Amino acid sequence: MDATKQWNVTVEIDEDENTTMANASLRTPAGLDVTGVGKADRNPLDPNVPEIGDELAVARALRNLSERLLHATEKDITSVTGEPSHVHR
């Protein structure tokens, strides 16, 4: 069966003077909630460019979300097959 699906990721960014935190959240149609977290710390000697902190924190949150989703996939495969699984990264 051919199908086109769309999943949406919500990204929230919080900043203070030298630290940017990002949360990337996904809820699958099956009801699985997965959230990745990313942090970027600015060296106080570097210029204050908020966009760079946002980019780095979001990139790290998305990478963390991806790892958590892969881990959930491994658990699902194991529950279906009854065998330990490892998804290649």
PDB file of N, CA and C in Angstrom:
ATOM      1  N   MET A   1       0.841  -1.180   0.000  1.00  0.00           N
ATOM      2  CA  MET A   1       0.000   0.000   0.000  1.00  0.00           C
ATOM      3  C   MET A   1       0.885   1.242   0.000  1.00  0.00           C
ATOM      4  N   ASP A   2       0.651   2.131  -0.932  1.00  0.00           N
ATOM      5  CA  ASP A   2       1.375   3.388  -0.987  1.00  0.00           C
ATOM      6  C   ASP A   2       0.657   4.414  -0.114  1.00  0.00           C
ATOM      7  N   ALA A   3       1.464   5.182   0.602  1.00  0.00           N
ATOM      8  CA  ALA A   3       0.871   6.208   1.462  1.00  0.00           C
ATOM      9  C   ALA A   3       1.865   7.337   1.650  1.00  0.00           C
ATOM     10  N   THR A   4       1.346   8.523   1.765  1.00  0.00           N
ATOM     11  CA  THR A   4       2.158   9.675   2.128  1.00  0.00           C
ATOM     12  C   THR A   4       1.767  10.067   3.539  1.00  0.00           C
ATOM     13  N   LYS A   5       2.777  10.171   4.391  1.00  0.00           N
ATOM     14  CA  LYS A   5       2.517  10.519   5.785  1.00  0.00           C
ATOM     15  C   LYS A   5       3.295  11.777   6.137  1.00  0.00           C
ATOM     16  N   GLN A   6       2.802  12.455   7.125  1.00  0.00           N
ATOM     17  CA  GLN A   6       3.482  13.658   7.605  1.00  0.00           C
ATOM     18  C   GLN A   6       3.559  13.607   9.113  1.00  0.00           C
ATOM     19  N   TRP A   7       4.770  13.752   9.631  1.00  0.00           N
ATOM     20  CA  TRP A   7       4.991  13.858  11.068  1.00  0.00           C
ATOM     21  C   TRP A   7       5.549  15.248  11.326  1.00  0.00           C
ATOM     22  N   ASN A   8       5.113  15.859  12.384  1.00  0.00           N
ATOM     23  CA  ASN A   8       5.569  17.206  12.715  1.00  0.00           C
ATOM     24  C   ASN A   8       6.399  17.196  13.987  1.00  0.00           C
ATOM     25  N   VAL A   9       7.488  17.932  13.949  1.00  0.00           N
ATOM     26  CA  VAL A   9       8.353  18.096  15.106  1.00  0.00           C
ATOM     27  C   VAL A   9       8.177  19.525  15.600  1.00  0.00           C
ATOM     28  N   THR A  10       7.967  19.670  16.893  1.00  0.00           N
ATOM     29  CA  THR A  10       7.860  20.986  17.509  1.00  0.00           C
ATOM     30  C   THR A  10       9.168  21.282  18.216  1.00  0.00           C
ATOM     31  N   VAL A  11       9.716  22.468  17.954  1.00  0.00           N
ATOM     32  CA  VAL A  11      10.974  22.874  18.575  1.00  0.00           C
ATOM     33  C   VAL A  11      10.716  24.108  19.428  1.00  0.00           C
ATOM     34  N   GLU A  12      11.127  24.018  20.683  1.00  0.00           N
ATOM     35  CA  GLU A  12      11.035  25.156  21.604  1.00  0.00           C
ATOM     36  C   GLU A  12      12.440  25.550  22.014  1.00  0.00           C
ATOM     37  N   ILE A  13      12.716  26.849  22.010  1.00  0.00           N
ATOM     38  CA  ILE A  13      14.051  27.366  22.320  1.00  0.00           C
ATOM     39  C   ILE A  13      13.937  28.347  23.473  1.00  0.00           C
ATOM     40  N   ASP A  14      14.798  28.155  24.467  1.00  0.00           N
ATOM     41  CA  ASP A  14      14.898  29.082  25.599  1.00  0.00           C
ATOM     42  C   ASP A  14      16.331  29.584  25.671  1.00  0.00           C
ATOM     43  N   GLU A  15      16.467  30.886  25.864  1.00  0.00           N
ATOM     44  CA  GLU A  15      17.795  31.490  25.920  1.00  0.00           C
ATOM     45  C   GLU A  15      17.957  32.287  27.201  1.00  0.00           C
ATOM     46  N   ASP A  16      19.170  32.254  27.742  1.00  0.00           N
ATOM     47  CA  ASP A  16      19.555  33.240  28.738  1.00  0.00           C
ATOM     48  C   ASP A  16      20.850  33.875  28.224  1.00  0.00           C
ATOM     49  N   GLU A  17      21.575  34.535  29.046  1.00  0.00           N
ATOM     50  CA  GLU A  17      22.714  35.318  28.566  1.00  0.00           C
ATOM     51  C   GLU A  17      23.728  34.504  27.762  1.00  0.00           C
ATOM     52  N   ASN A  18      24.131  33.348  28.261  1.00  0.00           N
ATOM     53  CA  ASN A  18      25.177  32.570  27.594  1.00  0.00           C
ATOM     54  C   ASN A  18      24.777  31.144  27.241  1.00  0.00           C
ATOM     55  N   THR A  19      23.528  30.759  27.503  1.00  0.00           N
ATOM     56  CA  THR A  19      23.094  29.387  27.272  1.00  0.00           C
ATOM     57  C   THR A  19      21.787  29.374  26.487  1.00  0.00           C
ATOM     58  N   THR A  20      21.725  28.481  25.511  1.00  0.00           N
ATOM     59  CA  THR A  20      20.506  28.257  24.738  1.00  0.00           C
ATOM     60  C   THR A  20      20.117  26.794  24.905  1.00  0.00           C
ATOM     61  N   MET A  21      18.867  26.552  25.257  1.00  0.00           N
ATOM     62  CA  MET A  21      18.324  25.198  25.389  1.00  0.00           C
ATOM     63  C   MET A  21      17.229  25.004  24.345  1.00  0.00           C
ATOM     64  N   ALA A  22      17.204  23.819  23.749  1.00  0.00           N
ATOM     65  CA  ALA A  22      16.169  23.504  22.767  1.00  0.00           C
ATOM     66  C   ALA A  22      15.570  22.147  23.088  1.00  0.00           C
ATOM     67  N   ASN A  23      14.260  22.032  22.918  1.00  0.00           N
ATOM     68  CA  ASN A  23      13.532  20.772  23.026  1.00  0.00           C
ATOM     69  C   ASN A  23      12.860  20.515  21.691  1.00  0.00           C
ATOM     70  N   ALA A  24      13.099  19.348  21.127  1.00  0.00           N
ATOM     71  CA  ALA A  24      12.460  18.934  19.881  1.00  0.00           C
ATOM     72  C   ALA A  24      11.535  17.774  20.223  1.00  0.00           C
ATOM     73  N   SER A  25      10.230  17.943  19.996  1.00  0.00           N
ATOM     74  CA  SER A  25       9.236  16.944  20.398  1.00  0.00           C
ATOM     75  C   SER A  25       8.475  16.410  19.194  1.00  0.00           C
ATOM     76  N   LEU A  26       8.220  15.101  19.258  1.00  0.00           N
ATOM     77  CA  LEU A  26       7.490  14.406  18.203  1.00  0.00           C
ATOM     78  C   LEU A  26       6.453  13.510  18.849  1.00  0.00           C
ATOM     79  N   ARG A  27       5.247  13.532  18.319  1.00  0.00           N
ATOM     80  CA  ARG A  27       4.215  12.572  18.717  1.00  0.00           C
ATOM     81  C   ARG A  27       3.815  11.825  17.457  1.00  0.00           C
ATOM     82  N   THR A  28       4.041  10.512  17.461  1.00  0.00           N
ATOM     83  CA  THR A  28       3.726   9.704  16.280  1.00  0.00           C
ATOM     84  C   THR A  28       2.227   9.420  16.225  1.00  0.00           C
ATOM     85  N   PRO A  29       1.720   9.046  15.062  1.00  0.00           N
ATOM     86  CA  PRO A  29       0.302   8.690  14.960  1.00  0.00           C
ATOM     87  C   PRO A  29      -0.084   7.538  15.892  1.00  0.00           C
ATOM     88  N   ALA A  30       0.876   6.685  16.242  1.00  0.00           N
ATOM     89  CA  ALA A  30       0.602   5.573  17.159  1.00  0.00           C
ATOM     90  C   ALA A  30       0.601   6.019  18.616  1.00  0.00           C
ATOM     91  N   GLY A  31       0.918   7.301  18.859  1.00  0.00           N
ATOM     92  CA  GLY A  31       0.858   7.831  20.214  1.00  0.00           C
ATOM     93  C   GLY A  31       2.180   7.858  20.962  1.00  0.00           C
ATOM     94  N   LEU A  32       3.268   7.537  20.295  1.00  0.00           N
ATOM     95  CA  LEU A  32       4.582   7.584  20.930  1.00  0.00           C
ATOM     96  C   LEU A  32       5.039   9.035  21.035  1.00  0.00           C
ATOM     97  N   ASP A  33       5.400   9.458  22.245  1.00  0.00           N
ATOM     98  CA  ASP A  33       5.950  10.792  22.467  1.00  0.00           C
ATOM     99  C   ASP A  33       7.456  10.669  22.652  1.00  0.00           C
ATOM    100  N   VAL A  34       8.203  11.412  21.847  1.00  0.00           N
ATOM    101  CA  VAL A  34       9.661  11.402  21.934  1.00  0.00           C
ATOM    102  C   VAL A  34      10.128  12.854  21.967  1.00  0.00           C
ATOM    103  N   THR A  35      11.040  13.152  22.897  1.00  0.00           N
ATOM    104  CA  THR A  35      11.586  14.503  23.008  1.00  0.00           C
ATOM    105  C   THR A  35      13.099  14.431  23.077  1.00  0.00           C
ATOM    106  N   GLY A  36      13.740  15.274  22.284  1.00  0.00           N
ATOM    107  CA  GLY A  36      15.188  15.405  22.318  1.00  0.00           C
ATOM    108  C   GLY A  36      15.556  16.752  22.900  1.00  0.00           C
ATOM    109  N   VAL A  37      16.703  16.789  23.568  1.00  0.00           N
ATOM    110  CA  VAL A  37      17.159  17.999  24.238  1.00  0.00           C
ATOM    111  C   VAL A  37      18.529  18.388  23.692  1.00  0.00           C
ATOM    112  N   GLY A  38      18.725  19.689  23.499  1.00  0.00           N
ATOM    113  CA  GLY A  38      20.024  20.187  23.056  1.00  0.00           C
ATOM    114  C   GLY A  38      20.385  21.458  23.787  1.00  0.00           C
ATOM    115  N   LYS A  39      21.684  21.647  23.994  1.00  0.00           N
ATOM    116  CA  LYS A  39      22.170  22.811  24.726  1.00  0.00           C
ATOM    117  C   LYS A  39      23.364  23.402  23.999  1.00  0.00           C
ATOM    118  N   ALA A  40      23.422  24.727  23.979  1.00  0.00           N
ATOM    119  CA  ALA A  40      24.572  25.440  23.428  1.00  0.00           C
ATOM    120  C   ALA A  40      25.013  26.484  24.449  1.00  0.00           C
ATOM    121  N   ASP A  41      26.290  26.464  24.781  1.00  0.00           N
ATOM    122  CA  ASP A  41      26.858  27.454  25.699  1.00  0.00           C
ATOM    123  C   ASP A  41      27.784  28.378  24.917  1.00  0.00           C
ATOM    124  N   ARG A  42      27.566  29.671  25.072  1.00  0.00           N
ATOM    125  CA  ARG A  42      28.421  30.662  24.400  1.00  0.00           C
ATOM    126  C   ARG A  42      29.604  30.979  25.300  1.00  0.00           C
ATOM    127  N   ASN A  43      30.762  30.964  24.707  1.00  0.00           N
ATOM    128  CA  ASN A  43      31.942  31.424  25.420  1.00  0.00           C
ATOM    129  C   ASN A  43      31.764  32.918  25.665  1.00  0.00           C
ATOM    130  N   PRO A  44      31.897  33.382  26.892  1.00  0.00           N
ATOM    131  CA  PRO A  44      31.683  34.811  27.173  1.00  0.00           C
ATOM    132  C   PRO A  44      32.609  35.740  26.377  1.00  0.00           C
ATOM    133  N   LEU A  45      33.693  35.207  25.861  1.00  0.00           N
ATOM    134  CA  LEU A  45      34.606  36.024  25.049  1.00  0.00           C
ATOM    135  C   LEU A  45      34.156  36.141  23.594  1.00  0.00           C
ATOM    136  N   ASP A  46      33.220  35.276  23.172  1.00  0.00           N
ATOM    137  CA  ASP A  46      32.715  35.309  21.800  1.00  0.00           C
ATOM    138  C   ASP A  46      31.628  36.366  21.666  1.00  0.00           C
ATOM    139  N   PRO A  47      31.437  36.888  20.446  1.00  0.00           N
ATOM    140  CA  PRO A  47      30.353  37.855  20.243  1.00  0.00           C
ATOM    141  C   PRO A  47      28.989  37.190  20.473  1.00  0.00           C
ATOM    142  N   ASN A  48      28.012  37.987  20.901  1.00  0.00           N
ATOM    143  CA  ASN A  48      26.673  37.480  21.171  1.00  0.00           C
ATOM    144  C   ASN A  48      25.878  37.463  19.871  1.00  0.00           C
ATOM    145  N   VAL A  49      25.754  36.269  19.265  1.00  0.00           N
ATOM    146  CA  VAL A  49      24.978  36.073  18.036  1.00  0.00           C
ATOM    147  C   VAL A  49      23.942  34.991  18.338  1.00  0.00           C
ATOM    148  N   PRO A  50      22.736  35.398  18.792  1.00  0.00           N
ATOM    149  CA  PRO A  50      21.733  34.421  19.230  1.00  0.00           C
ATOM    150  C   PRO A  50      21.397  33.343  18.195  1.00  0.00           C
ATOM    151  N   GLU A  51      21.441  33.688  16.914  1.00  0.00           N
ATOM    152  CA  GLU A  51      21.084  32.716  15.879  1.00  0.00           C
ATOM    153  C   GLU A  51      22.018  31.506  15.910  1.00  0.00           C
ATOM    154  N   ILE A  52      23.292  31.737  16.232  1.00  0.00           N
ATOM    155  CA  ILE A  52      24.247  30.630  16.275  1.00  0.00           C
ATOM    156  C   ILE A  52      23.905  29.697  17.430  1.00  0.00           C
ATOM    157  N   GLY A  53      23.601  30.249  18.582  1.00  0.00           N
ATOM    158  CA  GLY A  53      23.190  29.420  19.722  1.00  0.00           C
ATOM    159  C   GLY A  53      21.924  28.642  19.425  1.00  0.00           C
ATOM    160  N   ASP A  54      20.973  29.294  18.750  1.00  0.00           N
ATOM    161  CA  ASP A  54      19.731  28.608  18.369  1.00  0.00           C
ATOM    162  C   ASP A  54      20.029  27.428  17.454  1.00  0.00           C
ATOM    163  N   GLU A  55      20.834  27.675  16.427  1.00  0.00           N
ATOM    164  CA  GLU A  55      21.156  26.621  15.457  1.00  0.00           C
ATOM    165  C   GLU A  55      21.817  25.429  16.139  1.00  0.00           C
ATOM    166  N   LEU A  56      22.791  25.705  16.988  1.00  0.00           N
ATOM    167  CA  LEU A  56      23.526  24.622  17.636  1.00  0.00           C
ATOM    168  C   LEU A  56      22.639  23.859  18.616  1.00  0.00           C
ATOM    169  N   ALA A  57      21.883  24.561  19.429  1.00  0.00           N
ATOM    170  CA  ALA A  57      21.007  23.890  20.388  1.00  0.00           C
ATOM    171  C   ALA A  57      19.937  23.058  19.677  1.00  0.00           C
ATOM    172  N   VAL A  58      19.357  23.600  18.605  1.00  0.00           N
ATOM    173  CA  VAL A  58      18.332  22.859  17.854  1.00  0.00           C
ATOM    174  C   VAL A  58      18.948  21.655  17.164  1.00  0.00           C
ATOM    175  N   ALA A  59      20.115  21.818  16.564  1.00  0.00           N
ATOM    176  CA  ALA A  59      20.780  20.685  15.911  1.00  0.00           C
ATOM    177  C   ALA A  59      21.022  19.561  16.915  1.00  0.00           C
ATOM    178  N   ARG A  60      21.485  19.925  18.100  1.00  0.00           N
ATOM    179  CA  ARG A  60      21.732  18.911  19.127  1.00  0.00           C
ATOM    180  C   ARG A  60      20.431  18.274  19.615  1.00  0.00           C
ATOM    181  N   ALA A  61      19.374  19.048  19.722  1.00  0.00           N
ATOM    182  CA  ALA A  61      18.079  18.501  20.134  1.00  0.00           C
ATOM    183  C   ALA A  61      17.536  17.533  19.084  1.00  0.00           C
ATOM    184  N   LEU A  62      17.674  17.887  17.812  1.00  0.00           N
ATOM    185  CA  LEU A  62      17.202  17.007  16.749  1.00  0.00           C
ATOM    186  C   LEU A  62      18.024  15.722  16.690  1.00  0.00           C
ATOM    187  N   ARG A  63      19.328  15.836  16.903  1.00  0.00           N
ATOM    188  CA  ARG A  63      20.179  14.641  16.937  1.00  0.00           C
ATOM    189  C   ARG A  63      19.763  13.743  18.104  1.00  0.00           C
ATOM    190  N   ASN A  64      19.507  14.337  19.265  1.00  0.00           N
ATOM    191  CA  ASN A  64      19.080  13.582  20.433  1.00  0.00           C
ATOM    192  C   ASN A  64      17.715  12.942  20.203  1.00  0.00           C
ATOM    193  N   LEU A  65      16.803  13.687  19.564  1.00  0.00           N
ATOM    194  CA  LEU A  65      15.489  13.144  19.210  1.00  0.00           C
ATOM    195  C   LEU A  65      15.652  11.935  18.289  1.00  0.00           C
ATOM    196  N   SER A  66      16.527  12.046  17.310  1.00  0.00           N
ATOM    197  CA  SER A  66      16.770  10.948  16.381  1.00  0.00           C
ATOM    198  C   SER A  66      17.262   9.708  17.108  1.00  0.00           C
ATOM    199  N   GLU A  67      18.213   9.868  18.017  1.00  0.00           N
ATOM    200  CA  GLU A  67      18.730   8.724  18.776  1.00  0.00           C
ATOM    201  C   GLU A  67      17.629   8.086  19.617  1.00  0.00           C
ATOM    202  N   ARG A  68      16.812   8.897  20.238  1.00  0.00           N
ATOM    203  CA  ARG A  68      15.727   8.364  21.070  1.00  0.00           C
ATOM    204  C   ARG A  68      14.690   7.630  20.221  1.00  0.00           C
ATOM    205  N   LEU A  69      14.414   8.146  19.021  1.00  0.00           N
ATOM    206  CA  LEU A  69      13.466   7.483  18.128  1.00  0.00           C
ATOM    207  C   LEU A  69      14.038   6.153  17.628  1.00  0.00           C
ATOM    208  N   LEU A  70      15.339   6.123  17.331  1.00  0.00           N
ATOM    209  CA  LEU A  70      15.973   4.867  16.930  1.00  0.00           C
ATOM    210  C   LEU A  70      15.906   3.846  18.067  1.00  0.00           C
ATOM    211  N   HIS A  71      16.124   4.287  19.287  1.00  0.00           N
ATOM    212  CA  HIS A  71      16.038   3.391  20.440  1.00  0.00           C
ATOM    213  C   HIS A  71      14.615   2.839  20.584  1.00  0.00           C
ATOM    214  N   ALA A  72      13.620   3.695  20.410  1.00  0.00           N
ATOM    215  CA  ALA A  72      12.218   3.238  20.476  1.00  0.00           C
ATOM    216  C   ALA A  72      11.937   2.224  19.368  1.00  0.00           C
ATOM    217  N   THR A  73      12.512   2.444  18.195  1.00  0.00           N
ATOM    218  CA  THR A  73      12.340   1.512  17.075  1.00  0.00           C
ATOM    219  C   THR A  73      12.936   0.149  17.419  1.00  0.00           C
ATOM    220  N   GLU A  74      14.122   0.155  18.029  1.00  0.00           N
ATOM    221  CA  GLU A  74      14.738  -1.107  18.440  1.00  0.00           C
ATOM    222  C   GLU A  74      13.841  -1.861  19.427  1.00  0.00           C
ATOM    223  N   LYS A  75      13.271  -1.133  20.385  1.00  0.00           N
ATOM    224  CA  LYS A  75      12.376  -1.768  21.355  1.00  0.00           C
ATOM    225  C   LYS A  75      11.148  -2.353  20.659  1.00  0.00           C
ATOM    226  N   ASP A  76      10.604  -1.618  19.674  1.00  0.00           N
ATOM    227  CA  ASP A  76       9.426  -2.107  18.946  1.00  0.00           C
ATOM    228  C   ASP A  76       9.765  -3.362  18.138  1.00  0.00           C
ATOM    229  N   ILE A  77      10.917  -3.367  17.479  1.00  0.00           N
ATOM    230  CA  ILE A  77      11.330  -4.548  16.702  1.00  0.00           C
ATOM    231  C   ILE A  77      11.480  -5.744  17.628  1.00  0.00           C
ATOM    232  N   THR A  78      12.119  -5.528  18.778  1.00  0.00           N
ATOM    233  CA  THR A  78      12.303  -6.615  19.746  1.00  0.00           C
ATOM    234  C   THR A  78      10.961  -7.150  20.237  1.00  0.00           C
ATOM    235  N   SER A  79      10.005  -6.247  20.484  1.00  0.00           N
ATOM    236  CA  SER A  79       8.701  -6.707  20.973  1.00  0.00           C
ATOM    237  C   SER A  79       7.942  -7.495  19.908  1.00  0.00           C
ATOM    238  N   VAL A  80       8.154  -7.181  18.644  1.00  0.00           N
ATOM    239  CA  VAL A  80       7.459  -7.898  17.564  1.00  0.00           C
ATOM    240  C   VAL A  80       8.140  -9.227  17.256  1.00  0.00           C
ATOM    241  N   THR A  81       9.484  -9.225  17.231  1.00  0.00           N
ATOM    242  CA  THR A  81      10.216 -10.432  16.825  1.00  0.00           C
ATOM    243  C   THR A  81      10.592 -11.332  17.983  1.00  0.00           C
ATOM    244  N   GLY A  82      10.628 -10.780  19.204  1.00  0.00           N
ATOM    245  CA  GLY A  82      11.086 -11.567  20.339  1.00  0.00           C
ATOM    246  C   GLY A  82      12.589 -11.719  20.386  1.00  0.00           C
ATOM    247  N   GLU A  83      13.292 -11.068  19.482  1.00  0.00           N
ATOM    248  CA  GLU A  83      14.751 -11.141  19.410  1.00  0.00           C
ATOM    249  C   GLU A  83      15.344  -9.761  19.670  1.00  0.00           C
ATOM    250  N   PRO A  84      16.515  -9.723  20.325  1.00  0.00           N
ATOM    251  CA  PRO A  84      17.185  -8.428  20.507  1.00  0.00           C
ATOM    252  C   PRO A  84      17.474  -7.799  19.138  1.00  0.00           C
ATOM    253  N   SER A  85      17.356  -6.494  19.065  1.00  0.00           N
ATOM    254  CA  SER A  85      17.602  -5.831  17.785  1.00  0.00           C
ATOM    255  C   SER A  85      18.538  -4.643  17.981  1.00  0.00           C
ATOM    256  N   HIS A  86      19.223  -4.323  16.911  1.00  0.00           N
ATOM    257  CA  HIS A  86      20.081  -3.150  16.882  1.00  0.00           C
ATOM    258  C   HIS A  86      19.946  -2.522  15.501  1.00  0.00           C
ATOM    259  N   VAL A  87      19.495  -1.279  15.477  1.00  0.00           N
ATOM    260  CA  VAL A  87      19.346  -0.557  14.222  1.00  0.00           C
ATOM    261  C   VAL A  87      20.663   0.154  13.936  1.00  0.00           C
ATOM    262  N   HIS A  88      21.193  -0.054  12.732  1.00  0.00           N
ATOM    263  CA  HIS A  88      22.451   0.590  12.353  1.00  0.00           C
ATOM    264  C   HIS A  88      22.257   2.081  12.262  1.00  0.00           C
ATOM    265  N   ARG A  89      23.230   2.818  12.780  1.00  0.00           N
ATOM    266  CA  ARG A  89      23.144   4.280  12.801  1.00  0.00           C
ATOM    267  C   ARG A  89      23.992   4.885  11.730  1.00  0.00           C
TER     268      ARG A  89
END
